[in-house]
């Protein structure tokens, strides 16, 4: 693992893959064709808090489904990109639209489609159960697995490094 702590202070934009990062990488396929995913409420709390504290929070996922969008909208995630085939193009379009530098970005992914974006950001992260190629590319590997607190882990670290964790003791869900 490469040293990552000095990069935490410059992060303004938190970008996450969905399946395998915000979920445990499992889907339940119902007879209707709907895919159910399991997510962590502590990850959800940290995500909505990051939005409330003014961070750009982005989900950039190849996965799609009404359940994904509903979950993220409930957390007030403003930038939701699902069904993405070319994550690099979508990432670059987002940066251009909001005049954000890659040096301000953290990206957390867990599998091969996330590798190209991980190479472009200041802080590439992954869950403890990411595939080995992604672990090798990461600056930081969370001690938590996907869907089990890895998102909370990196958001908390960014906020603590910037003196913003527990800054608003009245922070709560919308």
C-alpha atoms as a PDB file:
ATOM      1  CA  UNK A   1       0.000   0.000   0.000  1.00  0.00           C
ATOM      2  CA  UNK A   2       1.309   3.402  -0.954  1.00  0.00           C
ATOM      3  CA  UNK A   3       1.256   6.286   1.538  1.00  0.00           C
ATOM      4  CA  UNK A   4      -2.109   8.021   1.247  1.00  0.00           C
ATOM      5  CA  UNK A   5      -2.625  10.137   4.369  1.00  0.00           C
ATOM      6  CA  UNK A   6      -1.127  13.351   2.986  1.00  0.00           C
ATOM      7  CA  UNK A   7      -3.584  13.201   0.065  1.00  0.00           C
ATOM      8  CA  UNK A   8      -6.688  13.191   2.294  1.00  0.00           C
ATOM      9  CA  UNK A   9      -6.529  16.934   2.978  1.00  0.00           C
ATOM     10  CA  UNK A  10      -6.949  17.879  -0.712  1.00  0.00           C
ATOM     11  CA  UNK A  11     -10.044  15.749  -1.405  1.00  0.00           C
ATOM     12  CA  UNK A  12     -13.215  17.647  -2.346  1.00  0.00           C
ATOM     13  CA  UNK A  13     -14.809  14.969  -4.512  1.00  0.00           C
ATOM     14  CA  UNK A  14     -15.725  11.445  -3.430  1.00  0.00           C
ATOM     15  CA  UNK A  15     -16.477   9.019  -6.277  1.00  0.00           C
ATOM     16  CA  UNK A  16     -17.683   5.479  -5.726  1.00  0.00           C
ATOM     17  CA  UNK A  17     -18.514   2.438  -7.767  1.00  0.00           C
ATOM     18  CA  UNK A  18     -21.759   0.876  -6.543  1.00  0.00           C
ATOM     19  CA  UNK A  19     -21.735  -2.925  -6.774  1.00  0.00           C
ATOM     20  CA  UNK A  20     -18.954  -4.361  -4.630  1.00  0.00           C
ATOM     21  CA  UNK A  21     -18.253  -1.018  -2.918  1.00  0.00           C
ATOM     22  CA  UNK A  22     -21.613   0.198  -1.638  1.00  0.00           C
ATOM     23  CA  UNK A  23     -22.878  -3.384  -1.682  1.00  0.00           C
ATOM     24  CA  UNK A  24     -21.436  -6.765  -0.777  1.00  0.00           C
ATOM     25  CA  UNK A  25     -21.101  -7.642  -4.507  1.00  0.00           C
ATOM     26  CA  UNK A  26     -24.061 -10.013  -4.355  1.00  0.00           C
ATOM     27  CA  UNK A  27     -27.393  -9.628  -6.121  1.00  0.00           C
ATOM     28  CA  UNK A  28     -30.581 -11.543  -5.568  1.00  0.00           C
ATOM     29  CA  UNK A  29     -32.415 -12.063  -8.845  1.00  0.00           C
ATOM     30  CA  UNK A  30     -36.170 -12.149  -8.370  1.00  0.00           C
ATOM     31  CA  UNK A  31     -38.454 -13.967 -10.831  1.00  0.00           C
ATOM     32  CA  UNK A  32     -39.649 -10.525 -11.984  1.00  0.00           C
ATOM     33  CA  UNK A  33     -36.103  -9.746 -13.143  1.00  0.00           C
ATOM     34  CA  UNK A  34     -35.552  -7.194 -10.388  1.00  0.00           C
ATOM     35  CA  UNK A  35     -32.114  -7.365  -8.784  1.00  0.00           C
ATOM     36  CA  UNK A  36     -31.915  -6.772  -5.042  1.00  0.00           C
ATOM     37  CA  UNK A  37     -28.728  -5.487  -3.428  1.00  0.00           C
ATOM     38  CA  UNK A  38     -27.722  -5.119   0.205  1.00  0.00           C
ATOM     39  CA  UNK A  39     -26.152  -1.865   1.423  1.00  0.00           C
ATOM     40  CA  UNK A  40     -24.836  -0.596   4.743  1.00  0.00           C
ATOM     41  CA  UNK A  41     -26.684   2.119   6.693  1.00  0.00           C
ATOM     42  CA  UNK A  42     -23.421   3.455   8.178  1.00  0.00           C
ATOM     43  CA  UNK A  43     -22.097   3.945   4.667  1.00  0.00           C
ATOM     44  CA  UNK A  44     -25.376   5.719   3.916  1.00  0.00           C
ATOM     45  CA  UNK A  45     -25.017   8.025   6.897  1.00  0.00           C
ATOM     46  CA  UNK A  46     -21.488   9.005   5.858  1.00  0.00           C
ATOM     47  CA  UNK A  47     -22.575   9.604   2.259  1.00  0.00           C
ATOM     48  CA  UNK A  48     -25.432  11.930   3.173  1.00  0.00           C
ATOM     49  CA  UNK A  49     -23.198  13.706   5.685  1.00  0.00           C
ATOM     50  CA  UNK A  50     -20.537  14.274   3.012  1.00  0.00           C
ATOM     51  CA  UNK A  51     -23.180  15.823   0.760  1.00  0.00           C
ATOM     52  CA  UNK A  52     -24.436  17.970   3.613  1.00  0.00           C
ATOM     53  CA  UNK A  53     -20.869  19.107   4.367  1.00  0.00           C
ATOM     54  CA  UNK A  54     -20.377  20.289   0.778  1.00  0.00           C
ATOM     55  CA  UNK A  55     -18.339  17.497  -0.785  1.00  0.00           C
ATOM     56  CA  UNK A  56     -19.088  16.462  -4.347  1.00  0.00           C
ATOM     57  CA  UNK A  57     -20.391  12.897  -3.998  1.00  0.00           C
ATOM     58  CA  UNK A  58     -20.576  10.857  -7.160  1.00  0.00           C
ATOM     59  CA  UNK A  59     -21.626   7.302  -7.960  1.00  0.00           C
ATOM     60  CA  UNK A  60     -20.095   5.973 -11.157  1.00  0.00           C
ATOM     61  CA  UNK A  61     -21.307   2.462 -11.854  1.00  0.00           C
ATOM     62  CA  UNK A  62     -21.753   0.006 -14.662  1.00  0.00           C
ATOM     63  CA  UNK A  63     -24.648  -1.456 -12.693  1.00  0.00           C
ATOM     64  CA  UNK A  64     -28.157  -0.217 -13.175  1.00  0.00           C
ATOM     65  CA  UNK A  65     -31.511  -0.628 -11.561  1.00  0.00           C
ATOM     66  CA  UNK A  66     -34.308   1.327 -10.024  1.00  0.00           C
ATOM     67  CA  UNK A  67     -33.219   0.186  -6.564  1.00  0.00           C
ATOM     68  CA  UNK A  68     -29.780   1.756  -6.979  1.00  0.00           C
ATOM     69  CA  UNK A  69     -31.191   5.141  -7.970  1.00  0.00           C
ATOM     70  CA  UNK A  70     -33.812   5.114  -5.219  1.00  0.00           C
ATOM     71  CA  UNK A  71     -31.242   4.297  -2.542  1.00  0.00           C
ATOM     72  CA  UNK A  72     -28.913   7.070  -3.713  1.00  0.00           C
ATOM     73  CA  UNK A  73     -31.682   9.634  -4.124  1.00  0.00           C
ATOM     74  CA  UNK A  74     -32.828   8.885  -0.555  1.00  0.00           C
ATOM     75  CA  UNK A  75     -29.301   9.836   0.566  1.00  0.00           C
ATOM     76  CA  UNK A  76     -29.447  13.026  -1.555  1.00  0.00           C
ATOM     77  CA  UNK A  77     -26.507  11.937  -3.713  1.00  0.00           C
ATOM     78  CA  UNK A  78     -26.506  14.614  -6.436  1.00  0.00           C
ATOM     79  CA  UNK A  79     -24.393  12.907  -9.104  1.00  0.00           C
ATOM     80  CA  UNK A  80     -25.594   9.423 -10.044  1.00  0.00           C
ATOM     81  CA  UNK A  81     -24.225   7.768 -13.180  1.00  0.00           C
ATOM     82  CA  UNK A  82     -25.432   4.181 -13.642  1.00  0.00           C
ATOM     83  CA  UNK A  83     -25.233   1.839 -16.600  1.00  0.00           C
ATOM     84  CA  UNK A  84     -21.921   3.461 -17.523  1.00  0.00           C
ATOM     85  CA  UNK A  85     -19.873   1.605 -20.135  1.00  0.00           C
ATOM     86  CA  UNK A  86     -16.964   4.063 -20.300  1.00  0.00           C
ATOM     87  CA  UNK A  87     -16.180   5.194 -16.761  1.00  0.00           C
ATOM     88  CA  UNK A  88     -13.209   7.317 -17.847  1.00  0.00           C
ATOM     89  CA  UNK A  89     -15.297   9.362 -20.306  1.00  0.00           C
ATOM     90  CA  UNK A  90     -18.037   9.921 -17.713  1.00  0.00           C
ATOM     91  CA  UNK A  91     -15.419  10.819 -15.063  1.00  0.00           C
ATOM     92  CA  UNK A  92     -13.766  13.348 -17.381  1.00  0.00           C
ATOM     93  CA  UNK A  93     -17.112  14.876 -18.392  1.00  0.00           C
ATOM     94  CA  UNK A  94     -18.014  15.286 -14.712  1.00  0.00           C
ATOM     95  CA  UNK A  95     -14.681  16.975 -13.939  1.00  0.00           C
ATOM     96  CA  UNK A  96     -15.075  19.355 -16.871  1.00  0.00           C
ATOM     97  CA  UNK A  97     -18.688  20.217 -15.998  1.00  0.00           C
ATOM     98  CA  UNK A  98     -17.826  21.104 -12.395  1.00  0.00           C
ATOM     99  CA  UNK A  99     -14.295  22.445 -12.988  1.00  0.00           C
ATOM    100  CA  UNK A 100     -12.758  19.859 -10.668  1.00  0.00           C
ATOM    101  CA  UNK A 101      -9.176  18.656 -10.878  1.00  0.00           C
ATOM    102  CA  UNK A 102      -8.320  14.920 -10.621  1.00  0.00           C
ATOM    103  CA  UNK A 103      -6.019  15.909  -7.727  1.00  0.00           C
ATOM    104  CA  UNK A 104      -9.153  16.700  -5.681  1.00  0.00           C
ATOM    105  CA  UNK A 105     -10.708  13.280  -6.288  1.00  0.00           C
ATOM    106  CA  UNK A 106     -10.929  10.056  -4.348  1.00  0.00           C
ATOM    107  CA  UNK A 107     -12.266   7.036  -6.220  1.00  0.00           C
ATOM    108  CA  UNK A 108     -13.200   3.724  -4.620  1.00  0.00           C
ATOM    109  CA  UNK A 109     -13.649   0.687  -6.843  1.00  0.00           C
ATOM    110  CA  UNK A 110     -13.454  -3.061  -6.439  1.00  0.00           C
ATOM    111  CA  UNK A 111     -13.049  -4.708  -9.843  1.00  0.00           C
ATOM    112  CA  UNK A 112     -11.313  -4.458 -13.222  1.00  0.00           C
ATOM    113  CA  UNK A 113     -13.722  -1.886 -14.804  1.00  0.00           C
ATOM    114  CA  UNK A 114     -12.653   0.557 -12.064  1.00  0.00           C
ATOM    115  CA  UNK A 115      -8.926   0.331 -12.822  1.00  0.00           C
ATOM    116  CA  UNK A 116      -8.748   3.077 -15.505  1.00  0.00           C
ATOM    117  CA  UNK A 117     -10.398   5.704 -13.283  1.00  0.00           C
ATOM    118  CA  UNK A 118      -8.254   4.677 -10.312  1.00  0.00           C
ATOM    119  CA  UNK A 119      -5.184   5.613 -12.354  1.00  0.00           C
ATOM    120  CA  UNK A 120      -6.478   9.163 -12.880  1.00  0.00           C
ATOM    121  CA  UNK A 121      -7.345  10.289  -9.343  1.00  0.00           C
ATOM    122  CA  UNK A 122      -5.262  11.585  -6.455  1.00  0.00           C
ATOM    123  CA  UNK A 123      -6.455   8.873  -4.101  1.00  0.00           C
ATOM    124  CA  UNK A 124      -7.417   5.430  -5.402  1.00  0.00           C
ATOM    125  CA  UNK A 125      -9.130   3.264  -2.776  1.00  0.00           C
ATOM    126  CA  UNK A 126     -10.746  -0.147  -2.590  1.00  0.00           C
ATOM    127  CA  UNK A 127     -12.576  -2.388  -0.136  1.00  0.00           C
ATOM    128  CA  UNK A 128     -10.779  -5.217   1.653  1.00  0.00           C
ATOM    129  CA  UNK A 129     -12.394  -7.780  -0.651  1.00  0.00           C
ATOM    130  CA  UNK A 130     -11.544  -6.117  -3.975  1.00  0.00           C
ATOM    131  CA  UNK A 131      -9.901  -8.200  -6.686  1.00  0.00           C
ATOM    132  CA  UNK A 132      -6.117  -8.389  -6.455  1.00  0.00           C
ATOM    133  CA  UNK A 133      -5.428  -6.182  -9.486  1.00  0.00           C
ATOM    134  CA  UNK A 134      -7.415  -3.375  -7.878  1.00  0.00           C
ATOM    135  CA  UNK A 135      -5.690  -3.856  -4.522  1.00  0.00           C
ATOM    136  CA  UNK A 136      -2.359  -3.555  -6.336  1.00  0.00           C
ATOM    137  CA  UNK A 137      -3.477  -0.253  -7.938  1.00  0.00           C
ATOM    138  CA  UNK A 138      -4.914   1.259  -4.736  1.00  0.00           C
ATOM    139  CA  UNK A 139      -3.230   3.875  -2.597  1.00  0.00           C
ATOM    140  CA  UNK A 140      -5.448   2.728   0.280  1.00  0.00           C
ATOM    141  CA  UNK A 141      -7.169  -0.593   0.958  1.00  0.00           C
ATOM    142  CA  UNK A 142      -9.938  -0.266   3.518  1.00  0.00           C
ATOM    143  CA  UNK A 143     -10.030  -2.753   6.366  1.00  0.00           C
ATOM    144  CA  UNK A 144     -13.769  -3.057   5.612  1.00  0.00           C
ATOM    145  CA  UNK A 145     -15.347  -5.114   2.835  1.00  0.00           C
ATOM    146  CA  UNK A 146     -17.689  -3.789   0.168  1.00  0.00           C
ATOM    147  CA  UNK A 147     -21.139  -3.135   1.595  1.00  0.00           C
ATOM    148  CA  UNK A 148     -19.763  -3.522   5.102  1.00  0.00           C
ATOM    149  CA  UNK A 149     -18.427  -0.062   5.898  1.00  0.00           C
ATOM    150  CA  UNK A 150     -15.630   0.681   3.409  1.00  0.00           C
ATOM    151  CA  UNK A 151     -17.424   3.809   2.164  1.00  0.00           C
ATOM    152  CA  UNK A 152     -17.842   5.113   5.719  1.00  0.00           C
ATOM    153  CA  UNK A 153     -14.166   4.335   6.355  1.00  0.00           C
ATOM    154  CA  UNK A 154     -12.826   6.541   3.555  1.00  0.00           C
ATOM    155  CA  UNK A 155     -15.325   9.360   4.078  1.00  0.00           C
ATOM    156  CA  UNK A 156     -14.521   9.458   7.782  1.00  0.00           C
ATOM    157  CA  UNK A 157     -10.787   9.533   7.043  1.00  0.00           C
ATOM    158  CA  UNK A 158     -11.161  12.444   4.612  1.00  0.00           C
ATOM    159  CA  UNK A 159     -13.281  14.433   7.064  1.00  0.00           C
ATOM    160  CA  UNK A 160     -10.965  13.724   9.999  1.00  0.00           C
ATOM    161  CA  UNK A 161      -7.903  14.788   7.974  1.00  0.00           C
ATOM    162  CA  UNK A 162      -9.705  18.051   7.161  1.00  0.00           C
ATOM    163  CA  UNK A 163     -10.910  18.625  10.734  1.00  0.00           C
ATOM    164  CA  UNK A 164     -14.544  18.218   9.653  1.00  0.00           C
ATOM    165  CA  UNK A 165     -15.551  14.928  11.296  1.00  0.00           C
ATOM    166  CA  UNK A 166     -17.953  15.547  14.190  1.00  0.00           C
ATOM    167  CA  UNK A 167     -17.777  19.250  13.365  1.00  0.00           C
ATOM    168  CA  UNK A 168     -21.560  19.451  13.166  1.00  0.00           C
ATOM    169  CA  UNK A 169     -22.802  17.509  16.155  1.00  0.00           C
ATOM    170  CA  UNK A 170     -26.356  18.092  14.992  1.00  0.00           C
ATOM    171  CA  UNK A 171     -25.765  16.399  11.625  1.00  0.00           C
ATOM    172  CA  UNK A 172     -28.541  13.978  10.816  1.00  0.00           C
ATOM    173  CA  UNK A 173     -30.366  12.419   7.919  1.00  0.00           C
ATOM    174  CA  UNK A 174     -32.654  14.613   5.905  1.00  0.00           C
END
